[in-house]
Amino acid sequence: ELNGITATETLIAFNTFSRHDLEHMFSIGE
């Protein structure tokens, strides 16, 4: 859940993880 997470924090998290890791996380979410 994204409760309490701001758009800025989300962008920072995306920049912290590699693109490959993010795609893997989204695949698991589906």
N, C-alpha and C. Protein backbone atom coordinates (compact mmCIF):
# COMPACT_ATOMS: atom_id res chain seq x y z
N GLU A 1 0.84 -1.20 0.00
CA GLU A 1 0.00 0.00 0.00
C GLU A 1 0.88 1.25 0.00
N LEU A 2 0.34 2.33 -0.56
CA LEU A 2 1.12 3.57 -0.64
C LEU A 2 0.69 4.58 0.40
N ASN A 3 0.03 4.11 1.46
CA ASN A 3 -0.44 5.04 2.50
C ASN A 3 0.74 5.80 3.10
N GLY A 4 0.65 7.13 3.10
CA GLY A 4 1.68 7.96 3.73
C GLY A 4 2.91 8.16 2.87
N ILE A 5 2.92 7.53 1.70
CA ILE A 5 4.09 7.69 0.83
C ILE A 5 3.80 8.79 -0.19
N THR A 6 4.66 9.80 -0.22
CA THR A 6 4.44 10.91 -1.16
C THR A 6 5.01 10.56 -2.52
N ALA A 7 4.60 11.30 -3.52
CA ALA A 7 5.10 11.07 -4.88
C ALA A 7 6.62 11.21 -4.91
N THR A 8 7.14 12.18 -4.17
CA THR A 8 8.59 12.39 -4.14
C THR A 8 9.31 11.18 -3.57
N GLU A 9 8.80 10.65 -2.47
CA GLU A 9 9.42 9.48 -1.85
C GLU A 9 9.37 8.30 -2.81
N THR A 10 8.26 8.19 -3.55
CA THR A 10 8.13 7.10 -4.51
C THR A 10 9.18 7.23 -5.60
N LEU A 11 9.36 8.46 -6.11
CA LEU A 11 10.36 8.68 -7.16
C LEU A 11 11.76 8.35 -6.64
N ILE A 12 12.05 8.72 -5.40
CA ILE A 12 13.36 8.43 -4.81
C ILE A 12 13.56 6.92 -4.73
N ALA A 13 12.51 6.21 -4.33
CA ALA A 13 12.60 4.76 -4.23
C ALA A 13 12.87 4.16 -5.61
N PHE A 14 12.18 4.67 -6.63
CA PHE A 14 12.39 4.16 -7.99
C PHE A 14 13.83 4.39 -8.42
N ASN A 15 14.38 5.56 -8.09
CA ASN A 15 15.76 5.86 -8.47
C ASN A 15 16.74 5.00 -7.69
N THR A 16 16.36 4.59 -6.48
CA THR A 16 17.25 3.77 -5.65
C THR A 16 17.36 2.37 -6.23
N PHE A 17 16.22 1.80 -6.62
CA PHE A 17 16.24 0.45 -7.19
C PHE A 17 16.64 0.50 -8.66
N SER A 18 17.19 -0.59 -9.14
CA SER A 18 17.50 -0.65 -10.57
C SER A 18 16.22 -0.90 -11.35
N ARG A 19 16.22 -0.54 -12.61
CA ARG A 19 15.04 -0.71 -13.44
C ARG A 19 14.64 -2.19 -13.47
N HIS A 20 15.61 -3.07 -13.53
CA HIS A 20 15.33 -4.51 -13.58
C HIS A 20 14.60 -4.95 -12.32
N ASP A 21 15.05 -4.49 -11.16
CA ASP A 21 14.42 -4.87 -9.90
C ASP A 21 12.99 -4.37 -9.85
N LEU A 22 12.75 -3.15 -10.32
CA LEU A 22 11.39 -2.60 -10.31
C LEU A 22 10.47 -3.43 -11.19
N GLU A 23 10.93 -3.79 -12.38
CA GLU A 23 10.11 -4.58 -13.29
C GLU A 23 9.80 -5.93 -12.65
N HIS A 24 10.77 -6.50 -11.94
CA HIS A 24 10.57 -7.79 -11.28
C HIS A 24 9.52 -7.66 -10.19
N MET A 25 9.59 -6.56 -9.43
CA MET A 25 8.62 -6.33 -8.35
C MET A 25 7.22 -6.19 -8.93
N PHE A 26 7.08 -5.44 -10.02
CA PHE A 26 5.76 -5.24 -10.63
C PHE A 26 5.22 -6.56 -11.16
N SER A 27 6.10 -7.41 -11.69
CA SER A 27 5.67 -8.70 -12.22
C SER A 27 5.10 -9.55 -11.09
N ILE A 28 5.73 -9.52 -9.91
CA ILE A 28 5.25 -10.27 -8.76
C ILE A 28 3.91 -9.72 -8.30
N GLY A 29 3.77 -8.39 -8.36
CA GLY A 29 2.53 -7.74 -7.93
C GLY A 29 1.34 -8.20 -8.76
N GLU A 30 1.59 -8.50 -10.03
CA GLU A 30 0.52 -8.95 -10.91
C GLU A 30 0.23 -10.40 -10.62
